[in-house]
Amino acid sequence: MDAEMHNMKTRKVWSLVPAPPKEVKVVGCRSVYNLKKNNEGKAVRYKARLVAQGFSQRKGENYDKTFSQVINFSLIRLFFAIFVNLLQWLHLQIDVNCAYLYAKLDETVYMRQPPGYKSKKYPDYICKLDQALYGLKQSGRQLFTEISSVLEKLGFTKLKWTNGVFLKDKVILLLYVDDIVILGKTNEEIQMTVKLLANNFDLTIIGKTRTLLGIQFIEENNKVYLSREHYITQVYNRYKKFLPPISSLPISKGSVYSKLQCPTTDEETKEMERYPYRSVIGCLAFIALRTRPDINYAVNLFSQFQSNPGVVHWSGLMKLLGYLQATRNYKLDIRNIAEISLTAYSGADFVSCTDDRISVGGHIVFLWKCTSFIENHQAKIGDSFIYGT
């Protein structure tokens, strides 16, 4: 924690001022401790962070806009498919250290002095924040504004039709909060970009993209695959005490799930409280949305019952977890093939849900290999649907 406080002092994150009037909101803060892990999930060092208690902020008083632009992961897949797999560009991952501390605040925010680090000279003073801090509602937005401003000064142009993508000559920069991936035609161009960024930010050079946003980037024969094997194993080990059966399919053929299978008595509801249904759904959704389109439908289906799941739903969810464990080494293939090919498929079932009679639709887009997929309920009840390719 001493190192974290040294960063606060070096970056001049706050200045000590007399306490404002009582009607002015003063947020608290606390220390958060964590283990920094490497790409294989092994702990490499202890990490401490001072976090503001942003939940106590008041909109219009000490924060306003909070939306932070980040790149959509489907675009990361797309850029790797085109520039890395097809055009054989190089890629480098870097991280901005203590990134939020670089962002300037537009609003006046007061914070209590950190516990254990109060000023001996001014113990009754409070901190007037000059820079953003982890935990504040607007910090992510302010960081994006700061990084965007720096990149524009360095000659980068932001793509207008999407978020978090910046271009300069033969260099593409992908930005997701403080995680940065640089794609470049040559190593010299990438290193020049790193040098320019290092003049403005304290960087950690991670190297080739191996793990980004929890996704493993596996490079074999100059081709990149996406995998969640390590995370799937972690999730399975976390819930294996519930004995999820190994399955060859995400959902058993002929299985029907509906609200009629939900608990109807207090005893049944209390019995289901023993099972971490929502936690499992959250883990599986995180896996499905980025690398495993084969479980997208199943996760969407079981998530409909998370407010009042029944034994049948839990059993189906465990079979889905068992399927993931059995297929944990499956990778999302984004290699290029001989011919440039863009293909999109869309479809919908017809009122398969017996509860609301709403159809489920979806699409999947292939640029050589899979780059975008989604599955969801239709907005309206329809008499018929047109299937297309």
Protein backbone atom coordinates (compact mmCIF):
# COMPACT_ATOMS: atom_id res chain seq x y z
CA MET A 1 0.00 0.00 0.00
CA ASP A 2 2.97 2.30 0.55
CA ALA A 3 3.80 2.01 -3.16
CA GLU A 4 0.21 2.92 -4.06
CA MET A 5 0.31 6.01 -1.85
CA HIS A 6 3.63 6.96 -3.43
CA ASN A 7 1.89 6.87 -6.83
CA MET A 8 -0.83 9.16 -5.49
CA LYS A 9 1.76 11.66 -4.34
CA THR A 10 3.81 11.47 -7.54
CA ARG A 11 0.76 11.97 -9.76
CA LYS A 12 -0.60 14.75 -7.51
CA VAL A 13 -3.99 13.06 -7.38
CA TRP A 14 -5.33 15.32 -4.63
CA SER A 15 -4.60 18.36 -2.53
CA LEU A 16 -5.55 18.73 1.13
CA VAL A 17 -8.13 21.42 1.85
CA PRO A 18 -10.34 22.41 4.81
CA ALA A 19 -13.58 20.45 5.05
CA PRO A 20 -16.42 21.92 2.93
CA PRO A 21 -19.89 22.74 4.35
CA LYS A 22 -21.83 19.76 5.70
CA GLU A 23 -24.27 19.75 2.79
CA VAL A 24 -21.41 19.00 0.36
CA LYS A 25 -20.95 15.27 -0.22
CA VAL A 26 -17.58 13.81 0.81
CA VAL A 27 -16.91 10.28 -0.45
CA GLY A 28 -14.95 7.72 1.50
CA CYS A 29 -12.18 5.42 0.32
CA ARG A 30 -10.67 2.07 1.20
CA SER A 31 -7.74 -0.16 0.34
CA VAL A 32 -8.34 -3.18 -1.90
CA TYR A 33 -5.85 -6.03 -2.07
CA ASN A 34 -5.53 -8.60 -4.83
CA LEU A 35 -3.16 -11.09 -6.42
CA LYS A 36 -1.75 -10.22 -9.83
CA LYS A 37 -1.78 -13.35 -11.99
CA ASN A 38 0.07 -14.26 -15.17
CA ASN A 39 -1.39 -15.70 -18.38
CA GLU A 40 -1.53 -19.18 -16.83
CA GLY A 41 -3.51 -17.98 -13.82
CA LYS A 42 -0.58 -18.24 -11.39
CA ALA A 43 -0.05 -15.50 -8.79
CA VAL A 44 3.06 -13.44 -9.52
CA ARG A 45 2.77 -10.53 -7.07
CA TYR A 46 0.58 -8.84 -4.49
CA LYS A 47 -1.30 -5.76 -5.58
CA ALA A 48 -2.83 -2.94 -3.52
CA ARG A 49 -5.20 -0.26 -4.79
CA LEU A 50 -6.79 2.78 -3.16
CA VAL A 51 -10.41 2.86 -4.29
CA ALA A 52 -12.90 5.69 -3.84
CA GLN A 53 -16.35 4.70 -2.59
CA GLY A 54 -18.13 6.03 -5.65
CA PHE A 55 -21.45 4.46 -4.67
CA SER A 56 -22.02 7.50 -2.42
CA GLN A 57 -21.61 10.05 -5.23
CA ARG A 58 -24.52 12.29 -6.20
CA LYS A 59 -25.37 12.82 -9.85
CA GLY A 60 -25.24 16.48 -10.79
CA GLU A 61 -23.11 17.32 -7.77
CA ASN A 62 -19.85 15.41 -8.04
CA TYR A 63 -20.38 13.46 -11.26
CA ASP A 64 -22.37 13.75 -14.48
CA LYS A 65 -21.59 11.63 -17.55
CA THR A 66 -20.18 8.16 -16.96
CA PHE A 67 -20.23 6.32 -20.31
CA SER A 68 -16.78 5.09 -21.30
CA GLN A 69 -16.07 4.06 -24.88
CA VAL A 70 -14.45 0.63 -25.28
CA ILE A 71 -13.89 -1.53 -28.32
CA ASN A 72 -16.42 -4.30 -28.95
CA PHE A 73 -14.75 -7.70 -28.69
CA SER A 74 -16.22 -8.78 -32.04
CA LEU A 75 -14.04 -6.08 -33.63
CA ILE A 76 -10.97 -7.44 -31.86
CA ARG A 77 -11.73 -10.81 -33.46
CA LEU A 78 -12.22 -9.08 -36.81
CA PHE A 79 -8.96 -7.12 -36.69
CA PHE A 80 -6.97 -10.20 -35.70
CA ALA A 81 -8.62 -12.23 -38.47
CA ILE A 82 -7.75 -9.65 -41.14
CA PHE A 83 -4.51 -8.02 -40.06
CA VAL A 84 -2.78 -10.77 -38.07
CA ASN A 85 -4.01 -13.94 -39.75
CA LEU A 86 -4.43 -12.72 -43.32
CA LEU A 87 -1.97 -9.84 -43.73
CA GLN A 88 0.57 -11.23 -41.22
CA TRP A 89 0.86 -7.99 -39.24
CA LEU A 90 2.59 -8.04 -35.87
CA HIS A 91 0.82 -7.37 -32.57
CA LEU A 92 1.93 -6.12 -29.16
CA GLN A 93 -0.01 -5.78 -25.91
CA ILE A 94 0.76 -3.02 -23.43
CA ASP A 95 -0.81 -1.84 -20.20
CA VAL A 96 -1.02 1.67 -18.73
CA ASN A 97 0.08 1.50 -15.10
CA CYS A 98 -2.29 3.16 -12.60
CA ALA A 99 -4.15 4.43 -15.64
CA TYR A 100 -7.01 6.26 -13.92
CA LEU A 101 -4.58 8.54 -12.12
CA TYR A 102 -3.77 10.23 -15.45
CA ALA A 103 -7.36 11.34 -16.04
CA LYS A 104 -8.44 14.84 -15.04
CA LEU A 105 -11.81 15.43 -13.38
CA ASP A 106 -14.38 17.91 -14.68
CA GLU A 107 -16.33 17.98 -11.42
CA THR A 108 -15.25 18.89 -7.90
CA VAL A 109 -14.94 15.74 -5.81
CA TYR A 110 -14.04 15.67 -2.12
CA MET A 111 -12.75 12.51 -0.44
CA ARG A 112 -11.77 11.61 3.10
CA GLN A 113 -8.10 10.98 3.73
CA PRO A 114 -7.08 7.31 3.32
CA PRO A 115 -7.22 5.33 6.59
CA GLY A 116 -3.75 4.88 8.01
CA TYR A 117 -2.29 7.65 5.85
CA LYS A 118 -3.78 10.81 7.33
CA SER A 119 -1.64 13.90 7.26
CA LYS A 120 -0.01 14.53 10.63
CA LYS A 121 -0.01 18.25 9.96
CA TYR A 122 -3.61 18.47 8.70
CA PRO A 123 -5.50 15.46 10.13
CA ASP A 124 -8.89 17.22 9.87
CA TYR A 125 -8.48 18.24 6.23
CA ILE A 126 -9.99 16.31 3.33
CA CYS A 127 -8.76 15.47 -0.15
CA LYS A 128 -9.88 17.58 -3.09
CA LEU A 129 -9.37 15.27 -6.06
CA ASP A 130 -7.58 16.76 -9.05
CA GLN A 131 -7.21 13.46 -10.91
CA ALA A 132 -9.56 10.51 -11.31
CA LEU A 133 -9.39 7.59 -8.91
CA TYR A 134 -10.48 3.97 -9.15
CA GLY A 135 -14.04 3.64 -7.89
CA LEU A 136 -15.37 7.02 -9.05
CA LYS A 137 -18.30 6.74 -11.42
CA GLN A 138 -16.79 9.03 -14.06
CA SER A 139 -13.22 7.69 -13.96
CA GLY A 140 -13.53 5.37 -16.96
CA ARG A 141 -14.95 8.12 -19.13
CA GLN A 142 -12.29 10.59 -18.06
CA LEU A 143 -9.52 8.08 -18.78
CA PHE A 144 -10.80 7.52 -22.31
CA THR A 145 -10.95 11.28 -22.84
CA GLU A 146 -7.35 11.65 -21.65
CA ILE A 147 -5.95 8.80 -23.76
CA SER A 148 -7.91 9.96 -26.82
CA SER A 149 -6.53 13.47 -26.43
CA VAL A 150 -2.96 12.15 -26.22
CA LEU A 151 -3.42 9.89 -29.25
CA GLU A 152 -4.85 12.73 -31.34
CA LYS A 153 -1.83 14.89 -30.46
CA LEU A 154 0.40 12.01 -31.59
CA GLY A 155 -1.30 11.95 -34.98
CA PHE A 156 -3.77 9.10 -34.49
CA THR A 157 -7.28 9.29 -35.94
CA LYS A 158 -10.22 7.71 -34.14
CA LEU A 159 -12.62 5.65 -36.22
CA LYS A 160 -15.98 7.41 -36.14
CA TRP A 161 -18.15 4.33 -36.71
CA THR A 162 -16.96 2.42 -33.65
CA ASN A 163 -15.35 2.86 -30.24
CA GLY A 164 -11.78 2.35 -29.14
CA VAL A 165 -10.02 2.06 -32.52
CA PHE A 166 -7.29 4.53 -33.58
CA LEU A 167 -5.29 4.61 -36.82
CA LYS A 168 -1.99 6.11 -37.90
CA ASP A 169 -0.21 5.13 -41.12
CA LYS A 170 0.38 1.34 -40.91
CA VAL A 171 -0.50 1.12 -37.20
CA ILE A 172 -3.83 0.26 -35.57
CA LEU A 173 -4.38 0.78 -31.85
CA LEU A 174 -7.19 -1.08 -30.06
CA LEU A 175 -8.21 0.40 -26.69
CA TYR A 176 -10.24 -1.25 -23.93
CA VAL A 177 -10.03 0.97 -20.82
CA ASP A 178 -6.31 0.70 -19.96
CA ASP A 179 -5.54 -2.40 -22.06
CA ILE A 180 -3.97 -1.54 -25.40
CA VAL A 181 -3.17 -3.77 -28.36
CA ILE A 182 -1.02 -2.35 -31.15
CA LEU A 183 -1.20 -3.90 -34.62
CA GLY A 184 1.54 -2.88 -37.03
CA LYS A 185 2.95 -3.91 -40.38
CA THR A 186 6.52 -3.80 -39.06
CA ASN A 187 8.16 -4.05 -35.66
CA GLU A 188 9.77 -0.63 -36.19
CA GLU A 189 6.35 1.01 -36.53
CA ILE A 190 5.09 -0.70 -33.38
CA GLN A 191 8.17 0.27 -31.36
CA MET A 192 7.87 3.89 -32.53
CA THR A 193 4.26 3.92 -31.30
CA VAL A 194 5.32 2.47 -27.94
CA LYS A 195 8.01 5.13 -27.62
CA LEU A 196 5.49 7.91 -28.28
CA LEU A 197 3.06 6.49 -25.71
CA ALA A 198 5.83 6.01 -23.14
CA ASN A 199 6.53 9.74 -23.29
CA ASN A 200 3.02 10.32 -21.93
CA PHE A 201 2.21 7.27 -19.80
CA ASP A 202 3.96 4.78 -17.56
CA LEU A 203 3.67 1.55 -19.55
CA THR A 204 4.15 -2.16 -18.98
CA ILE A 205 5.19 -3.96 -22.16
CA ILE A 206 3.44 -7.33 -21.97
CA GLY A 207 4.59 -8.66 -25.34
CA LYS A 208 2.59 -10.55 -27.94
CA THR A 209 -1.09 -10.72 -27.10
CA ARG A 210 -1.50 -13.87 -25.01
CA THR A 211 -4.37 -13.00 -22.68
CA LEU A 212 -6.74 -10.09 -23.28
CA LEU A 213 -9.94 -9.48 -21.31
CA GLY A 214 -9.70 -13.03 -19.98
CA ILE A 215 -9.36 -14.56 -23.47
CA GLN A 216 -6.36 -16.69 -24.39
CA PHE A 217 -4.83 -15.83 -27.76
CA ILE A 218 -3.07 -18.99 -28.95
CA GLU A 219 -0.68 -18.60 -31.87
CA GLU A 220 0.21 -21.70 -33.89
CA ASN A 221 2.00 -21.59 -37.24
CA ASN A 222 1.45 -17.81 -37.43
CA LYS A 223 -2.31 -18.28 -37.01
CA VAL A 224 -4.30 -17.10 -33.98
CA TYR A 225 -7.01 -19.02 -32.13
CA LEU A 226 -9.12 -17.82 -29.19
CA SER A 227 -9.64 -20.03 -26.15
CA ARG A 228 -11.15 -19.98 -22.65
CA GLU A 229 -9.71 -23.33 -21.51
CA HIS A 230 -8.07 -22.00 -18.33
CA TYR A 231 -11.18 -20.11 -17.25
CA ILE A 232 -13.50 -23.04 -18.01
CA THR A 233 -11.31 -25.27 -15.85
CA GLN A 234 -11.44 -22.71 -13.02
CA VAL A 235 -15.24 -22.50 -13.21
CA TYR A 236 -15.63 -26.27 -13.33
CA ASN A 237 -13.35 -26.76 -10.32
CA ARG A 238 -15.30 -24.12 -8.43
CA TYR A 239 -18.62 -25.95 -8.89
CA LYS A 240 -17.56 -29.58 -9.32
CA LYS A 241 -18.83 -30.34 -5.79
CA PHE A 242 -22.31 -30.26 -7.37
CA LEU A 243 -21.23 -33.18 -9.61
CA PRO A 244 -21.97 -31.76 -13.07
CA PRO A 245 -22.31 -34.75 -15.44
CA ILE A 246 -20.11 -34.85 -18.54
CA SER A 247 -22.31 -34.26 -21.58
CA SER A 248 -21.77 -34.37 -25.34
CA LEU A 249 -24.38 -31.67 -26.03
CA PRO A 250 -25.11 -28.24 -24.48
CA ILE A 251 -28.78 -29.24 -24.09
CA SER A 252 -30.10 -32.78 -24.26
CA LYS A 253 -32.23 -33.51 -27.31
CA GLY A 254 -35.93 -33.15 -26.58
CA SER A 255 -35.43 -31.25 -23.32
CA VAL A 256 -38.11 -28.68 -22.49
CA TYR A 257 -37.64 -25.95 -19.88
CA SER A 258 -40.40 -23.60 -18.72
CA LYS A 259 -41.62 -21.55 -15.78
CA LEU A 260 -43.95 -24.41 -14.87
CA GLN A 261 -40.85 -26.14 -13.49
CA CYS A 262 -40.05 -23.24 -11.13
CA PRO A 263 -40.63 -23.61 -7.36
CA THR A 264 -44.16 -22.86 -6.21
CA THR A 265 -43.80 -23.28 -2.44
CA ASP A 266 -41.59 -21.65 0.18
CA GLU A 267 -39.98 -25.02 0.92
CA GLU A 268 -39.01 -25.55 -2.72
CA THR A 269 -37.68 -22.01 -3.02
CA LYS A 270 -35.59 -22.38 0.14
CA GLU A 271 -34.22 -25.69 -1.12
CA MET A 272 -33.02 -24.03 -4.35
CA GLU A 273 -31.19 -21.33 -2.37
CA ARG A 274 -28.48 -23.93 -1.74
CA TYR A 275 -27.44 -23.76 -5.38
CA PRO A 276 -25.43 -20.82 -6.84
CA TYR A 277 -27.57 -20.65 -9.97
CA ARG A 278 -26.95 -16.99 -10.79
CA SER A 279 -23.21 -17.25 -10.23
CA VAL A 280 -22.93 -20.17 -12.66
CA ILE A 281 -25.03 -18.30 -15.24
CA GLY A 282 -22.72 -15.29 -14.97
CA CYS A 283 -19.61 -17.41 -15.51
CA LEU A 284 -21.08 -19.25 -18.50
CA ALA A 285 -22.36 -16.03 -20.08
CA PHE A 286 -18.85 -14.58 -19.85
CA ILE A 287 -17.56 -17.63 -21.73
CA ALA A 288 -20.35 -17.72 -24.32
CA LEU A 289 -20.32 -14.09 -25.40
CA ARG A 290 -16.76 -14.00 -26.72
CA THR A 291 -15.48 -17.43 -27.70
CA ARG A 292 -18.16 -20.13 -27.48
CA PRO A 293 -21.15 -19.53 -29.78
CA ASP A 294 -22.08 -23.20 -29.34
CA ILE A 295 -23.44 -22.52 -25.83
CA ASN A 296 -24.99 -19.12 -26.52
CA TYR A 297 -28.52 -20.47 -26.90
CA ALA A 298 -28.29 -22.67 -23.81
CA VAL A 299 -26.99 -19.85 -21.59
CA ASN A 300 -29.75 -17.53 -22.83
CA LEU A 301 -32.35 -20.21 -22.13
CA PHE A 302 -31.25 -20.99 -18.57
CA SER A 303 -30.77 -17.31 -17.70
CA GLN A 304 -34.54 -16.78 -18.08
CA PHE A 305 -35.12 -18.72 -14.87
CA GLN A 306 -32.46 -17.22 -12.62
CA SER A 307 -34.97 -15.25 -10.53
CA ASN A 308 -36.71 -18.49 -9.49
CA PRO A 309 -34.86 -21.57 -10.79
CA GLY A 310 -36.15 -25.08 -10.25
CA VAL A 311 -34.39 -28.41 -9.83
CA VAL A 312 -34.88 -29.21 -13.53
CA HIS A 313 -33.23 -25.93 -14.55
CA TRP A 314 -30.30 -26.52 -12.19
CA SER A 315 -29.85 -30.03 -13.55
CA GLY A 316 -29.78 -28.70 -17.12
CA LEU A 317 -27.32 -25.99 -16.13
CA MET A 318 -24.98 -28.57 -14.59
CA LYS A 319 -25.13 -30.64 -17.79
CA LEU A 320 -24.13 -27.50 -19.70
CA LEU A 321 -21.17 -27.01 -17.35
CA GLY A 322 -20.23 -30.67 -17.88
CA TYR A 323 -20.37 -30.13 -21.64
CA LEU A 324 -18.02 -27.16 -21.33
CA GLN A 325 -15.57 -29.19 -19.27
CA ALA A 326 -15.63 -31.98 -21.85
CA THR A 327 -14.98 -29.49 -24.66
CA ARG A 328 -12.76 -27.05 -22.74
CA ASN A 329 -10.00 -27.37 -25.35
CA TYR A 330 -12.29 -26.11 -28.14
CA LYS A 331 -10.88 -22.96 -29.73
CA LEU A 332 -12.55 -20.27 -31.80
CA ASP A 333 -10.89 -20.52 -35.19
CA ILE A 334 -10.30 -17.13 -36.84
CA ARG A 335 -7.75 -18.31 -39.41
CA ASN A 336 -8.07 -17.13 -42.98
CA ILE A 337 -8.73 -19.54 -45.84
CA ALA A 338 -7.75 -19.38 -49.49
CA GLU A 339 -10.58 -17.13 -50.68
CA ILE A 340 -11.96 -13.95 -49.15
CA SER A 341 -15.47 -14.82 -48.03
CA LEU A 342 -18.07 -12.89 -46.05
CA THR A 343 -21.10 -14.95 -45.09
CA ALA A 344 -23.93 -14.21 -42.68
CA TYR A 345 -26.64 -16.54 -41.43
CA SER A 346 -29.75 -15.58 -39.50
CA GLY A 347 -32.70 -17.55 -38.28
CA ALA A 348 -35.39 -17.97 -35.66
CA ASP A 349 -37.45 -20.77 -34.22
CA PHE A 350 -41.22 -20.53 -34.13
CA VAL A 351 -42.75 -19.88 -30.68
CA SER A 352 -40.72 -22.64 -29.02
CA CYS A 353 -41.07 -20.96 -25.61
CA THR A 354 -44.23 -22.29 -23.99
CA ASP A 355 -44.28 -19.48 -21.40
CA ASP A 356 -44.58 -16.35 -23.56
CA ARG A 357 -44.79 -17.73 -27.13
CA ILE A 358 -41.94 -15.45 -28.19
CA SER A 359 -39.52 -16.81 -30.78
CA VAL A 360 -35.76 -16.92 -30.36
CA GLY A 361 -33.63 -15.53 -33.17
CA GLY A 362 -29.97 -15.11 -33.85
CA HIS A 363 -27.24 -14.49 -36.39
CA ILE A 364 -23.68 -15.50 -37.02
CA VAL A 365 -21.22 -13.77 -39.35
CA PHE A 366 -18.18 -15.39 -40.93
CA LEU A 367 -15.32 -13.41 -42.42
CA TRP A 368 -13.28 -16.45 -43.39
CA LYS A 369 -14.03 -17.77 -39.91
CA CYS A 370 -16.47 -16.77 -37.16
CA THR A 371 -16.18 -13.11 -36.12
CA SER A 372 -19.63 -12.13 -34.81
CA PHE A 373 -22.55 -13.96 -33.24
CA ILE A 374 -25.61 -13.14 -31.15
CA GLU A 375 -28.77 -14.89 -29.94
CA ASN A 376 -31.79 -13.34 -28.23
CA HIS A 377 -35.55 -13.24 -27.87
CA GLN A 378 -37.54 -11.53 -30.59
CA ALA A 379 -39.07 -8.23 -29.54
CA LYS A 380 -42.62 -9.19 -30.51
CA ILE A 381 -44.85 -12.22 -30.86
CA GLY A 382 -45.20 -13.03 -34.55
CA ASP A 383 -47.39 -15.29 -36.66
CA SER A 384 -44.50 -16.30 -38.92
CA PHE A 385 -40.82 -15.64 -39.57
CA ILE A 386 -38.69 -15.72 -42.68
CA TYR A 387 -35.49 -17.71 -42.42
CA GLY A 388 -32.55 -16.39 -44.41
CA THR A 389 -28.88 -16.83 -45.20
